[in-house]
Amino acid sequence: MEMGTILNVVFIAFIVWFVLSRFLPTKGVKSITTEGLKTELGKQDKQYIDVRTPAEFKGNHIRGFKNIPLHQLSQKVNSLDQNKEVIVICQSGMRSQRAAKMLKKQGFKSITNVTGGMNTWR
């Protein structure tokens, strides 16, 4: 195989890996829909975190969710209980997926991402 072809294959493989790592669910993180969330709301053994900006949160949020913007989560992770399940939501499910991945790396065992986020909340 010629060097240019090998480089192209490696480059394409990297792009595929990069895209998949951004969009596939994190191993060990559960997913629920906003319909499924309705049955979980208000349970005392869970923590509800909204990782949107304060302005987004102020505009519309679900009662019981605490606003910790994604860019502040790493500094505020110590305010969360690692022994309680964390349910994370954002606008579409992308930022909350990143938050879930970060919490997993921080040692949290029970994390649930709300797929579709506030876009699908009715």
PDB file of N, CA and C in Angstrom:
ATOM      1  N   MET A   1       0.848  -1.176   0.000  1.00  0.00           N
ATOM      2  CA  MET A   1       0.000   0.000   0.000  1.00  0.00           C
ATOM      3  C   MET A   1       0.893   1.239   0.000  1.00  0.00           C
ATOM      4  N   GLU A   2       0.503   2.199  -0.738  1.00  0.00           N
ATOM      5  CA  GLU A   2       1.263   3.430  -0.871  1.00  0.00           C
ATOM      6  C   GLU A   2       1.068   4.321   0.367  1.00  0.00           C
ATOM      7  N   MET A   3       2.056   5.123   0.723  1.00  0.00           N
ATOM      8  CA  MET A   3       2.046   5.939   1.949  1.00  0.00           C
ATOM      9  C   MET A   3       0.843   6.881   2.001  1.00  0.00           C
ATOM     10  N   GLY A   4       0.496   7.497   0.889  1.00  0.00           N
ATOM     11  CA  GLY A   4      -0.651   8.408   0.847  1.00  0.00           C
ATOM     12  C   GLY A   4      -1.950   7.698   1.178  1.00  0.00           C
ATOM     13  N   THR A   5      -2.113   6.482   0.688  1.00  0.00           N
ATOM     14  CA  THR A   5      -3.304   5.682   0.965  1.00  0.00           C
ATOM     15  C   THR A   5      -3.388   5.325   2.441  1.00  0.00           C
ATOM     16  N   ILE A   6      -2.245   4.943   3.014  1.00  0.00           N
ATOM     17  CA  ILE A   6      -2.206   4.607   4.441  1.00  0.00           C
ATOM     18  C   ILE A   6      -2.605   5.821   5.278  1.00  0.00           C
ATOM     19  N   LEU A   7      -2.058   6.977   4.945  1.00  0.00           N
ATOM     20  CA  LEU A   7      -2.395   8.206   5.677  1.00  0.00           C
ATOM     21  C   LEU A   7      -3.885   8.535   5.548  1.00  0.00           C
ATOM     22  N   ASN A   8      -4.445   8.336   4.378  1.00  0.00           N
ATOM     23  CA  ASN A   8      -5.883   8.577   4.182  1.00  0.00           C
ATOM     24  C   ASN A   8      -6.722   7.652   5.044  1.00  0.00           C
ATOM     25  N   VAL A   9      -6.358   6.379   5.104  1.00  0.00           N
ATOM     26  CA  VAL A   9      -7.091   5.400   5.916  1.00  0.00           C
ATOM     27  C   VAL A   9      -7.006   5.782   7.393  1.00  0.00           C
ATOM     28  N   VAL A  10      -5.811   6.139   7.860  1.00  0.00           N
ATOM     29  CA  VAL A  10      -5.630   6.547   9.254  1.00  0.00           C
ATOM     30  C   VAL A  10      -6.453   7.799   9.550  1.00  0.00           C
ATOM     31  N   PHE A  11      -6.421   8.753   8.653  1.00  0.00           N
ATOM     32  CA  PHE A  11      -7.170   9.998   8.842  1.00  0.00           C
ATOM     33  C   PHE A  11      -8.680   9.730   8.912  1.00  0.00           C
ATOM     34  N   ILE A  12      -9.190   8.907   8.015  1.00  0.00           N
ATOM     35  CA  ILE A  12     -10.624   8.574   8.011  1.00  0.00           C
ATOM     36  C   ILE A  12     -10.999   7.819   9.284  1.00  0.00           C
ATOM     37  N   ALA A  13     -10.144   6.895   9.711  1.00  0.00           N
ATOM     38  CA  ALA A  13     -10.402   6.154  10.951  1.00  0.00           C
ATOM     39  C   ALA A  13     -10.461   7.109  12.142  1.00  0.00           C
ATOM     40  N   PHE A  14      -9.566   8.092  12.179  1.00  0.00           N
ATOM     41  CA  PHE A  14      -9.564   9.081  13.258  1.00  0.00           C
ATOM     42  C   PHE A  14     -10.860   9.893  13.245  1.00  0.00           C
ATOM     43  N   ILE A  15     -11.293  10.332  12.096  1.00  0.00           N
ATOM     44  CA  ILE A  15     -12.529  11.117  11.982  1.00  0.00           C
ATOM     45  C   ILE A  15     -13.729  10.293  12.473  1.00  0.00           C
ATOM     46  N   VAL A  16     -13.810   9.046  12.064  1.00  0.00           N
ATOM     47  CA  VAL A  16     -14.900   8.164  12.492  1.00  0.00           C
ATOM     48  C   VAL A  16     -14.881   8.001  14.012  1.00  0.00           C
ATOM     49  N   TRP A  17     -13.694   7.718  14.571  1.00  0.00           N
ATOM     50  CA  TRP A  17     -13.567   7.588  16.037  1.00  0.00           C
ATOM     51  C   TRP A  17     -14.003   8.870  16.736  1.00  0.00           C
ATOM     52  N   PHE A  18     -13.550  10.019  16.237  1.00  0.00           N
ATOM     53  CA  PHE A  18     -13.867  11.314  16.854  1.00  0.00           C
ATOM     54  C   PHE A  18     -15.374  11.557  16.864  1.00  0.00           C
ATOM     55  N   VAL A  19     -16.022  11.342  15.744  1.00  0.00           N
ATOM     56  CA  VAL A  19     -17.470  11.557  15.648  1.00  0.00           C
ATOM     57  C   VAL A  19     -18.218  10.591  16.573  1.00  0.00           C
ATOM     58  N   LEU A  20     -17.860   9.321  16.548  1.00  0.00           N
ATOM     59  CA  LEU A  20     -18.536   8.345  17.399  1.00  0.00           C
ATOM     60  C   LEU A  20     -18.332   8.646  18.878  1.00  0.00           C
ATOM     61  N   SER A  21     -17.131   9.066  19.267  1.00  0.00           N
ATOM     62  CA  SER A  21     -16.870   9.346  20.686  1.00  0.00           C
ATOM     63  C   SER A  21     -17.685  10.541  21.180  1.00  0.00           C
ATOM     64  N   ARG A  22     -18.070  11.425  20.274  1.00  0.00           N
ATOM     65  CA  ARG A  22     -18.877  12.588  20.652  1.00  0.00           C
ATOM     66  C   ARG A  22     -20.367  12.258  20.768  1.00  0.00           C
ATOM     67  N   PHE A  23     -20.842  11.320  19.954  1.00  0.00           N
ATOM     68  CA  PHE A  23     -22.282  11.104  19.863  1.00  0.00           C
ATOM     69  C   PHE A  23     -22.793   9.813  20.479  1.00  0.00           C
ATOM     70  N   LEU A  24     -21.941   8.825  20.679  1.00  0.00           N
ATOM     71  CA  LEU A  24     -22.400   7.588  21.300  1.00  0.00           C
ATOM     72  C   LEU A  24     -22.520   7.776  22.803  1.00  0.00           C
ATOM     73  N   PRO A  25     -23.477   7.118  23.428  1.00  0.00           N
ATOM     74  CA  PRO A  25     -23.617   7.237  24.875  1.00  0.00           C
ATOM     75  C   PRO A  25     -22.359   6.727  25.591  1.00  0.00           C
ATOM     76  N   THR A  26     -22.068   7.338  26.719  1.00  0.00           N
ATOM     77  CA  THR A  26     -20.917   6.934  27.526  1.00  0.00           C
ATOM     78  C   THR A  26     -21.224   5.608  28.216  1.00  0.00           C
ATOM     79  N   LYS A  27     -20.258   4.704  28.218  1.00  0.00           N
ATOM     80  CA  LYS A  27     -20.429   3.411  28.869  1.00  0.00           C
ATOM     81  C   LYS A  27     -20.701   3.633  30.362  1.00  0.00           C
ATOM     82  N   GLY A  28     -21.732   2.968  30.872  1.00  0.00           N
ATOM     83  CA  GLY A  28     -22.070   3.099  32.287  1.00  0.00           C
ATOM     84  C   GLY A  28     -23.000   4.258  32.600  1.00  0.00           C
ATOM     85  N   VAL A  29     -23.432   4.984  31.581  1.00  0.00           N
ATOM     86  CA  VAL A  29     -24.381   6.085  31.778  1.00  0.00           C
ATOM     87  C   VAL A  29     -25.717   5.659  31.175  1.00  0.00           C
ATOM     88  N   LYS A  30     -26.770   5.715  32.004  1.00  0.00           N
ATOM     89  CA  LYS A  30     -28.103   5.356  31.513  1.00  0.00           C
ATOM     90  C   LYS A  30     -28.704   6.545  30.764  1.00  0.00           C
ATOM     91  N   SER A  31     -29.666   6.262  29.924  1.00  0.00           N
ATOM     92  CA  SER A  31     -30.404   7.305  29.210  1.00  0.00           C
ATOM     93  C   SER A  31     -31.884   7.124  29.474  1.00  0.00           C
ATOM     94  N   ILE A  32     -32.582   8.247  29.652  1.00  0.00           N
ATOM     95  CA  ILE A  32     -34.040   8.207  29.736  1.00  0.00           C
ATOM     96  C   ILE A  32     -34.601   9.333  28.881  1.00  0.00           C
ATOM     97  N   THR A  33     -35.830   9.174  28.487  1.00  0.00           N
ATOM     98  CA  THR A  33     -36.534  10.224  27.757  1.00  0.00           C
ATOM     99  C   THR A  33     -37.153  11.177  28.776  1.00  0.00           C
ATOM    100  N   THR A  34     -37.690  12.288  28.288  1.00  0.00           N
ATOM    101  CA  THR A  34     -38.372  13.204  29.204  1.00  0.00           C
ATOM    102  C   THR A  34     -39.636  12.556  29.758  1.00  0.00           C
ATOM    103  N   GLU A  35     -40.250  11.646  29.011  1.00  0.00           N
ATOM    104  CA  GLU A  35     -41.407  10.909  29.541  1.00  0.00           C
ATOM    105  C   GLU A  35     -40.978  10.039  30.718  1.00  0.00           C
ATOM    106  N   GLY A  36     -39.837   9.354  30.565  1.00  0.00           N
ATOM    107  CA  GLY A  36     -39.303   8.533  31.642  1.00  0.00           C
ATOM    108  C   GLY A  36     -38.897   9.365  32.845  1.00  0.00           C
ATOM    109  N   LEU A  37     -38.434  10.582  32.581  1.00  0.00           N
ATOM    110  CA  LEU A  37     -38.033  11.487  33.660  1.00  0.00           C
ATOM    111  C   LEU A  37     -39.206  11.817  34.574  1.00  0.00           C
ATOM    112  N   LYS A  38     -40.390  11.918  34.005  1.00  0.00           N
ATOM    113  CA  LYS A  38     -41.576  12.288  34.800  1.00  0.00           C
ATOM    114  C   LYS A  38     -41.818  11.311  35.952  1.00  0.00           C
ATOM    115  N   THR A  39     -41.469  10.041  35.763  1.00  0.00           N
ATOM    116  CA  THR A  39     -41.665   9.061  36.842  1.00  0.00           C
ATOM    117  C   THR A  39     -40.541   9.116  37.878  1.00  0.00           C
ATOM    118  N   GLU A  40     -39.428   9.768  37.530  1.00  0.00           N
ATOM    119  CA  GLU A  40     -38.272   9.865  38.435  1.00  0.00           C
ATOM    120  C   GLU A  40     -38.274  11.144  39.272  1.00  0.00           C
ATOM    121  N   LEU A  41     -38.981  12.155  38.809  1.00  0.00           N
ATOM    122  CA  LEU A  41     -38.952  13.462  39.476  1.00  0.00           C
ATOM    123  C   LEU A  41     -39.414  13.389  40.925  1.00  0.00           C
ATOM    124  N   GLY A  42     -38.723  14.133  41.777  1.00  0.00           N
ATOM    125  CA  GLY A  42     -39.108  14.242  43.171  1.00  0.00           C
ATOM    126  C   GLY A  42     -38.593  13.147  44.074  1.00  0.00           C
ATOM    127  N   LYS A  43     -37.898  12.166  43.529  1.00  0.00           N
ATOM    128  CA  LYS A  43     -37.367  11.088  44.374  1.00  0.00           C
ATOM    129  C   LYS A  43     -36.164  11.615  45.155  1.00  0.00           C
ATOM    130  N   GLN A  44     -36.172  11.365  46.457  1.00  0.00           N
ATOM    131  CA  GLN A  44     -35.147  11.915  47.345  1.00  0.00           C
ATOM    132  C   GLN A  44     -33.765  11.298  47.162  1.00  0.00           C
ATOM    133  N   ASP A  45     -33.715  10.106  46.566  1.00  0.00           N
ATOM    134  CA  ASP A  45     -32.420   9.440  46.412  1.00  0.00           C
ATOM    135  C   ASP A  45     -31.708   9.832  45.120  1.00  0.00           C
ATOM    136  N   LYS A  46     -32.174  10.899  44.475  1.00  0.00           N
ATOM    137  CA  LYS A  46     -31.594  11.342  43.208  1.00  0.00           C
ATOM    138  C   LYS A  46     -31.233  12.825  43.279  1.00  0.00           C
ATOM    139  N   GLN A  47     -30.284  13.232  42.426  1.00  0.00           N
ATOM    140  CA  GLN A  47     -29.896  14.634  42.287  1.00  0.00           C
ATOM    141  C   GLN A  47     -30.212  15.026  40.855  1.00  0.00           C
ATOM    142  N   TYR A  48     -30.826  16.165  40.681  1.00  0.00           N
ATOM    143  CA  TYR A  48     -31.265  16.619  39.363  1.00  0.00           C
ATOM    144  C   TYR A  48     -30.449  17.849  38.982  1.00  0.00           C
ATOM    145  N   ILE A  49     -29.655  17.732  37.912  1.00  0.00           N
ATOM    146  CA  ILE A  49     -28.753  18.804  37.511  1.00  0.00           C
ATOM    147  C   ILE A  49     -29.062  19.237  36.079  1.00  0.00           C
ATOM    148  N   ASP A  50     -29.250  20.549  35.914  1.00  0.00           N
ATOM    149  CA  ASP A  50     -29.466  21.168  34.605  1.00  0.00           C
ATOM    150  C   ASP A  50     -28.172  21.893  34.250  1.00  0.00           C
ATOM    151  N   VAL A  51     -27.506  21.475  33.176  1.00  0.00           N
ATOM    152  CA  VAL A  51     -26.194  22.031  32.838  1.00  0.00           C
ATOM    153  C   VAL A  51     -26.249  23.158  31.803  1.00  0.00           C
ATOM    154  N   ARG A  52     -27.433  23.709  31.581  1.00  0.00           N
ATOM    155  CA  ARG A  52     -27.557  24.837  30.658  1.00  0.00           C
ATOM    156  C   ARG A  52     -27.062  26.124  31.323  1.00  0.00           C
ATOM    157  N   THR A  53     -27.008  27.188  30.547  1.00  0.00           N
ATOM    158  CA  THR A  53     -26.577  28.486  31.081  1.00  0.00           C
ATOM    159  C   THR A  53     -27.647  29.021  32.036  1.00  0.00           C
ATOM    160  N   PRO A  54     -27.270  29.933  32.946  1.00  0.00           N
ATOM    161  CA  PRO A  54     -28.269  30.529  33.845  1.00  0.00           C
ATOM    162  C   PRO A  54     -29.427  31.191  33.089  1.00  0.00           C
ATOM    163  N   ALA A  55     -29.145  31.818  31.951  1.00  0.00           N
ATOM    164  CA  ALA A  55     -30.212  32.463  31.169  1.00  0.00           C
ATOM    165  C   ALA A  55     -31.184  31.429  30.605  1.00  0.00           C
ATOM    166  N   GLU A  56     -30.668  30.323  30.091  1.00  0.00           N
ATOM    167  CA  GLU A  56     -31.536  29.254  29.583  1.00  0.00           C
ATOM    168  C   GLU A  56     -32.377  28.687  30.721  1.00  0.00           C
ATOM    169  N   PHE A  57     -31.732  28.458  31.868  1.00  0.00           N
ATOM    170  CA  PHE A  57     -32.417  27.893  33.033  1.00  0.00           C
ATOM    171  C   PHE A  57     -33.522  28.828  33.503  1.00  0.00           C
ATOM    172  N   LYS A  58     -33.215  30.121  33.570  1.00  0.00           N
ATOM    173  CA  LYS A  58     -34.197  31.106  34.024  1.00  0.00           C
ATOM    174  C   LYS A  58     -35.397  31.161  33.075  1.00  0.00           C
ATOM    175  N   GLY A  59     -35.141  30.996  31.776  1.00  0.00           N
ATOM    176  CA  GLY A  59     -36.205  31.056  30.786  1.00  0.00           C
ATOM    177  C   GLY A  59     -37.211  29.917  30.923  1.00  0.00           C
ATOM    178  N   ASN A  60     -36.733  28.741  31.285  1.00  0.00           N
ATOM    179  CA  ASN A  60     -37.600  27.568  31.421  1.00  0.00           C
ATOM    180  C   ASN A  60     -36.799  26.451  32.067  1.00  0.00           C
ATOM    181  N   HIS A  61     -37.320  25.893  33.145  1.00  0.00           N
ATOM    182  CA  HIS A  61     -36.654  24.757  33.767  1.00  0.00           C
ATOM    183  C   HIS A  61     -37.686  23.864  34.455  1.00  0.00           C
ATOM    184  N   ILE A  62     -37.212  22.701  34.847  1.00  0.00           N
ATOM    185  CA  ILE A  62     -38.072  21.728  35.525  1.00  0.00           C
ATOM    186  C   ILE A  62     -37.843  21.877  37.020  1.00  0.00           C
ATOM    187  N   ARG A  63     -38.944  22.019  37.758  1.00  0.00           N
ATOM    188  CA  ARG A  63     -38.845  22.166  39.207  1.00  0.00           C
ATOM    189  C   ARG A  63     -38.087  20.982  39.810  1.00  0.00           C
ATOM    190  N   GLY A  64     -37.168  21.276  40.720  1.00  0.00           N
ATOM    191  CA  GLY A  64     -36.375  20.242  41.368  1.00  0.00           C
ATOM    192  C   GLY A  64     -34.972  20.122  40.791  1.00  0.00           C
ATOM    193  N   PHE A  65     -34.758  20.677  39.603  1.00  0.00           N
ATOM    194  CA  PHE A  65     -33.425  20.660  38.999  1.00  0.00           C
ATOM    195  C   PHE A  65     -32.604  21.828  39.511  1.00  0.00           C
ATOM    196  N   LYS A  66     -31.332  21.560  39.783  1.00  0.00           N
ATOM    197  CA  LYS A  66     -30.382  22.585  40.224  1.00  0.00           C
ATOM    198  C   LYS A  66     -29.568  22.990  39.006  1.00  0.00           C
ATOM    199  N   ASN A  67     -29.380  24.294  38.813  1.00  0.00           N
ATOM    200  CA  ASN A  67     -28.613  24.774  37.663  1.00  0.00           C
ATOM    201  C   ASN A  67     -27.122  24.821  37.998  1.00  0.00           C
ATOM    202  N   ILE A  68     -26.361  23.949  37.348  1.00  0.00           N
ATOM    203  CA  ILE A  68     -24.896  23.998  37.395  1.00  0.00           C
ATOM    204  C   ILE A  68     -24.444  23.979  35.932  1.00  0.00           C
ATOM    205  N   PRO A  69     -24.147  25.159  35.370  1.00  0.00           N
ATOM    206  CA  PRO A  69     -23.739  25.202  33.957  1.00  0.00           C
ATOM    207  C   PRO A  69     -22.557  24.280  33.689  1.00  0.00           C
ATOM    208  N   LEU A  70     -22.539  23.691  32.509  1.00  0.00           N
ATOM    209  CA  LEU A  70     -21.515  22.713  32.149  1.00  0.00           C
ATOM    210  C   LEU A  70     -20.109  23.240  32.411  1.00  0.00           C
ATOM    211  N   HIS A  71     -19.862  24.511  32.066  1.00  0.00           N
ATOM    212  CA  HIS A  71     -18.503  25.047  32.230  1.00  0.00           C
ATOM    213  C   HIS A  71     -18.108  25.223  33.701  1.00  0.00           C
ATOM    214  N   GLN A  72     -19.064  25.122  34.626  1.00  0.00           N
ATOM    215  CA  GLN A  72     -18.765  25.228  36.059  1.00  0.00           C
ATOM    216  C   GLN A  72     -18.808  23.877  36.774  1.00  0.00           C
ATOM    217  N   LEU A  73     -19.246  22.845  36.084  1.00  0.00           N
ATOM    218  CA  LEU A  73     -19.480  21.550  36.723  1.00  0.00           C
ATOM    219  C   LEU A  73     -18.219  20.981  37.375  1.00  0.00           C
ATOM    220  N   SER A  74     -17.080  21.083  36.707  1.00  0.00           N
ATOM    221  CA  SER A  74     -15.861  20.507  37.287  1.00  0.00           C
ATOM    222  C   SER A  74     -15.476  21.182  38.595  1.00  0.00           C
ATOM    223  N   GLN A  75     -15.762  22.488  38.743  1.00  0.00           N
ATOM    224  CA  GLN A  75     -15.453  23.183  40.003  1.00  0.00           C
ATOM    225  C   GLN A  75     -16.483  22.873  41.085  1.00  0.00           C
ATOM    226  N   LYS A  76     -17.713  22.558  40.684  1.00  0.00           N
ATOM    227  CA  LYS A  76     -18.794  22.362  41.658  1.00  0.00           C
ATOM    228  C   LYS A  76     -19.131  20.892  41.909  1.00  0.00           C
ATOM    229  N   VAL A  77     -18.353  19.983  41.317  1.00  0.00           N
ATOM    230  CA  VAL A  77     -18.639  18.553  41.437  1.00  0.00           C
ATOM    231  C   VAL A  77     -18.632  18.098  42.904  1.00  0.00           C
ATOM    232  N   ASN A  78     -17.859  18.768  43.754  1.00  0.00           N
ATOM    233  CA  ASN A  78     -17.790  18.395  45.168  1.00  0.00           C
ATOM    234  C   ASN A  78     -19.082  18.697  45.928  1.00  0.00           C
ATOM    235  N   SER A  79     -19.952  19.521  45.349  1.00  0.00           N
ATOM    236  CA  SER A  79     -21.235  19.816  45.997  1.00  0.00           C
ATOM    237  C   SER A  79     -22.258  18.706  45.751  1.00  0.00           C
ATOM    238  N   LEU A  80     -21.881  17.725  44.929  1.00  0.00           N
ATOM    239  CA  LEU A  80     -22.775  16.603  44.620  1.00  0.00           C
ATOM    240  C   LEU A  80     -22.388  15.374  45.432  1.00  0.00           C
ATOM    241  N   ASP A  81     -23.375  14.539  45.718  1.00  0.00           N
ATOM    242  CA  ASP A  81     -23.170  13.307  46.482  1.00  0.00           C
ATOM    243  C   ASP A  81     -22.912  12.149  45.518  1.00  0.00           C
ATOM    244  N   GLN A  82     -21.708  11.585  45.577  1.00  0.00           N
ATOM    245  CA  GLN A  82     -21.358  10.483  44.668  1.00  0.00           C
ATOM    246  C   GLN A  82     -22.174   9.221  44.921  1.00  0.00           C
ATOM    247  N   ASN A  83     -22.824   9.143  46.082  1.00  0.00           N
ATOM    248  CA  ASN A  83     -23.612   7.952  46.411  1.00  0.00           C
ATOM    249  C   ASN A  83     -25.054   8.032  45.921  1.00  0.00           C
ATOM    250  N   LYS A  84     -25.450   9.185  45.403  1.00  0.00           N
ATOM    251  CA  LYS A  84     -26.807   9.349  44.870  1.00  0.00           C
ATOM    252  C   LYS A  84     -26.745   9.401  43.349  1.00  0.00           C
ATOM    253  N   GLU A  85     -27.777   8.863  42.724  1.00  0.00           N
ATOM    254  CA  GLU A  85     -27.864   8.955  41.265  1.00  0.00           C
ATOM    255  C   GLU A  85     -27.941  10.417  40.851  1.00  0.00           C
ATOM    256  N   VAL A  86     -27.257  10.756  39.759  1.00  0.00           N
ATOM    257  CA  VAL A  86     -27.311  12.103  39.190  1.00  0.00           C
ATOM    258  C   VAL A  86     -28.059  12.009  37.863  1.00  0.00           C
ATOM    259  N   ILE A  87     -29.110  12.811  37.732  1.00  0.00           N
ATOM    260  CA  ILE A  87     -29.843  12.901  36.466  1.00  0.00           C
ATOM    261  C   ILE A  87     -29.507  14.257  35.862  1.00  0.00           C
ATOM    262  N   VAL A  88     -28.943  14.245  34.646  1.00  0.00           N
ATOM    263  CA  VAL A  88     -28.516  15.487  34.002  1.00  0.00           C
ATOM    264  C   VAL A  88     -29.350  15.783  32.769  1.00  0.00           C
ATOM    265  N   ILE A  89     -29.631  17.076  32.591  1.00  0.00           N
ATOM    266  CA  ILE A  89     -30.403  17.540  31.440  1.00  0.00           C
ATOM    267  C   ILE A  89     -29.767  18.819  30.907  1.00  0.00           C
ATOM    268  N   CYS A  90     -29.981  19.081  29.626  1.00  0.00           N
ATOM    269  CA  CYS A  90     -29.587  20.348  29.007  1.00  0.00           C
ATOM    270  C   CYS A  90     -30.677  20.702  27.994  1.00  0.00           C
ATOM    271  N   GLN A  91     -30.346  21.427  26.949  1.00  0.00           N
ATOM    272  CA  GLN A  91     -31.368  21.808  25.968  1.00  0.00           C
ATOM    273  C   GLN A  91     -31.695  20.662  25.013  1.00  0.00           C
ATOM    274  N   SER A  92     -30.636  19.966  24.518  1.00  0.00           N
ATOM    275  CA  SER A  92     -30.869  18.936  23.502  1.00  0.00           C
ATOM    276  C   SER A  92     -30.382  17.544  23.897  1.00  0.00           C
ATOM    277  N   GLY A  93     -29.555  17.461  24.937  1.00  0.00           N
ATOM    278  CA  GLY A  93     -28.978  16.180  25.339  1.00  0.00           C
ATOM    279  C   GLY A  93     -27.495  16.082  25.067  1.00  0.00           C
ATOM    280  N   MET A  94     -26.927  17.030  24.343  1.00  0.00           N
ATOM    281  CA  MET A  94     -25.498  16.991  24.006  1.00  0.00           C
ATOM    282  C   MET A  94     -24.624  17.435  25.181  1.00  0.00           C
ATOM    283  N   ARG A  95     -24.934  18.585  25.774  1.00  0.00           N
ATOM    284  CA  ARG A  95     -24.135  19.065  26.907  1.00  0.00           C
ATOM    285  C   ARG A  95     -24.292  18.140  28.106  1.00  0.00           C
ATOM    286  N   SER A  96     -25.501  17.632  28.314  1.00  0.00           N
ATOM    287  CA  SER A  96     -25.704  16.715  29.446  1.00  0.00           C
ATOM    288  C   SER A  96     -24.941  15.413  29.228  1.00  0.00           C
ATOM    289  N   GLN A  97     -24.786  15.007  27.978  1.00  0.00           N
ATOM    290  CA  GLN A  97     -23.986  13.815  27.681  1.00  0.00           C
ATOM    291  C   GLN A  97     -22.525  14.084  28.034  1.00  0.00           C
ATOM    292  N   ARG A  98     -22.033  15.282  27.722  1.00  0.00           N
ATOM    293  CA  ARG A  98     -20.652  15.641  28.092  1.00  0.00           C
ATOM    294  C   ARG A  98     -20.516  15.710  29.608  1.00  0.00           C
ATOM    295  N   ALA A  99     -21.544  16.247  30.278  1.00  0.00           N
ATOM    296  CA  ALA A  99     -21.533  16.323  31.743  1.00  0.00           C
ATOM    297  C   ALA A  99     -21.500  14.920  32.344  1.00  0.00           C
ATOM    298  N   ALA A 100     -22.293  14.010  31.787  1.00  0.00           N
ATOM    299  CA  ALA A 100     -22.336  12.626  32.280  1.00  0.00           C
ATOM    300  C   ALA A 100     -20.965  11.969  32.141  1.00  0.00           C
ATOM    301  N   LYS A 101     -20.310  12.196  31.019  1.00  0.00           N
ATOM    302  CA  LYS A 101     -18.980  11.642  30.774  1.00  0.00           C
ATOM    303  C   LYS A 101     -17.993  12.188  31.812  1.00  0.00           C
ATOM    304  N   MET A 102     -18.094  13.479  32.106  1.00  0.00           N
ATOM    305  CA  MET A 102     -17.213  14.102  33.090  1.00  0.00           C
ATOM    306  C   MET A 102     -17.463  13.539  34.494  1.00  0.00           C
ATOM    307  N   LEU A 103     -18.738  13.388  34.857  1.00  0.00           N
ATOM    308  CA  LEU A 103     -19.083  12.842  36.175  1.00  0.00           C
ATOM    309  C   LEU A 103     -18.575  11.406  36.308  1.00  0.00           C
ATOM    310  N   LYS A 104     -18.672  10.642  35.233  1.00  0.00           N
ATOM    311  CA  LYS A 104     -18.180   9.259  35.226  1.00  0.00           C
ATOM    312  C   LYS A 104     -16.678   9.249  35.529  1.00  0.00           C
ATOM    313  N   LYS A 105     -15.926  10.143  34.885  1.00  0.00           N
ATOM    314  CA  LYS A 105     -14.478  10.239  35.122  1.00  0.00           C
ATOM    315  C   LYS A 105     -14.170  10.669  36.549  1.00  0.00           C
ATOM    316  N   GLN A 106     -15.095  11.415  37.174  1.00  0.00           N
ATOM    317  CA  GLN A 106     -14.903  11.882  38.551  1.00  0.00           C
ATOM    318  C   GLN A 106     -15.279  10.811  39.580  1.00  0.00           C
ATOM    319  N   GLY A 107     -15.748   9.657  39.118  1.00  0.00           N
ATOM    320  CA  GLY A 107     -16.025   8.552  40.027  1.00  0.00           C
ATOM    321  C   GLY A 107     -17.485   8.333  40.375  1.00  0.00           C
ATOM    322  N   PHE A 108     -18.385   9.087  39.766  1.00  0.00           N
ATOM    323  CA  PHE A 108     -19.814   8.866  40.016  1.00  0.00           C
ATOM    324  C   PHE A 108     -20.225   7.548  39.369  1.00  0.00           C
ATOM    325  N   LYS A 109     -21.019   6.763  40.077  1.00  0.00           N
ATOM    326  CA  LYS A 109     -21.384   5.419  39.609  1.00  0.00           C
ATOM    327  C   LYS A 109     -22.739   5.386  38.909  1.00  0.00           C
ATOM    328  N   SER A 110     -23.674   6.209  39.383  1.00  0.00           N
ATOM    329  CA  SER A 110     -25.038   6.167  38.855  1.00  0.00           C
ATOM    330  C   SER A 110     -25.390   7.522  38.226  1.00  0.00           C
ATOM    331  N   ILE A 111     -25.360   7.539  36.888  1.00  0.00           N
ATOM    332  CA  ILE A 111     -25.605   8.768  36.128  1.00  0.00           C
ATOM    333  C   ILE A 111     -26.632   8.462  35.046  1.00  0.00           C
ATOM    334  N   THR A 112     -27.589   9.352  34.904  1.00  0.00           N
ATOM    335  CA  THR A 112     -28.605   9.203  33.861  1.00  0.00           C
ATOM    336  C   THR A 112     -28.686  10.490  33.058  1.00  0.00           C
ATOM    337  N   ASN A 113     -28.622  10.357  31.738  1.00  0.00           N
ATOM    338  CA  ASN A 113     -28.732  11.493  30.832  1.00  0.00           C
ATOM    339  C   ASN A 113     -30.141  11.529  30.251  1.00  0.00           C
ATOM    340  N   VAL A 114     -30.739  12.721  30.243  1.00  0.00           N
ATOM    341  CA  VAL A 114     -32.070  12.883  29.657  1.00  0.00           C
ATOM    342  C   VAL A 114     -31.891  13.184  28.168  1.00  0.00           C
ATOM    343  N   THR A 115     -32.218  12.195  27.327  1.00  0.00           N
ATOM    344  CA  THR A 115     -32.056  12.365  25.879  1.00  0.00           C
ATOM    345  C   THR A 115     -33.109  13.334  25.346  1.00  0.00           C
ATOM    346  N   GLY A 116     -32.700  14.167  24.434  1.00  0.00           N
ATOM    347  CA  GLY A 116     -33.618  15.149  23.854  1.00  0.00           C
ATOM    348  C   GLY A 116     -33.708  16.421  24.681  1.00  0.00           C
ATOM    349  N   GLY A 117     -33.344  16.334  25.957  1.00  0.00           N
ATOM    350  CA  GLY A 117     -33.305  17.515  26.821  1.00  0.00           C
ATOM    351  C   GLY A 117     -34.607  18.293  26.890  1.00  0.00           C
ATOM    352  N   MET A 118     -34.452  19.577  27.189  1.00  0.00           N
ATOM    353  CA  MET A 118     -35.612  20.455  27.344  1.00  0.00           C
ATOM    354  C   MET A 118     -36.383  20.613  26.029  1.00  0.00           C
ATOM    355  N   ASN A 119     -35.723  20.334  24.892  1.00  0.00           N
ATOM    356  CA  ASN A 119     -36.418  20.411  23.601  1.00  0.00           C
ATOM    357  C   ASN A 119     -37.606  19.454  23.536  1.00  0.00           C
ATOM    358  N   THR A 120     -37.529  18.344  24.302  1.00  0.00           N
ATOM    359  CA  THR A 120     -38.595  17.341  24.240  1.00  0.00           C
ATOM    360  C   THR A 120     -39.481  17.340  25.491  1.00  0.00           C
ATOM    361  N   TRP A 121     -39.233  18.280  26.409  1.00  0.00           N
ATOM    362  CA  TRP A 121     -40.026  18.363  27.643  1.00  0.00           C
ATOM    363  C   TRP A 121     -41.396  18.972  27.338  1.00  0.00           C
ATOM    364  N   ARG A 122     -42.440  18.300  27.756  1.00  0.00           N
ATOM    365  CA  ARG A 122     -43.822  18.810  27.549  1.00  0.00           C
ATOM    366  C   ARG A 122     -44.526  18.888  28.875  1.00  0.00           C
TER     367      ARG A 122
END
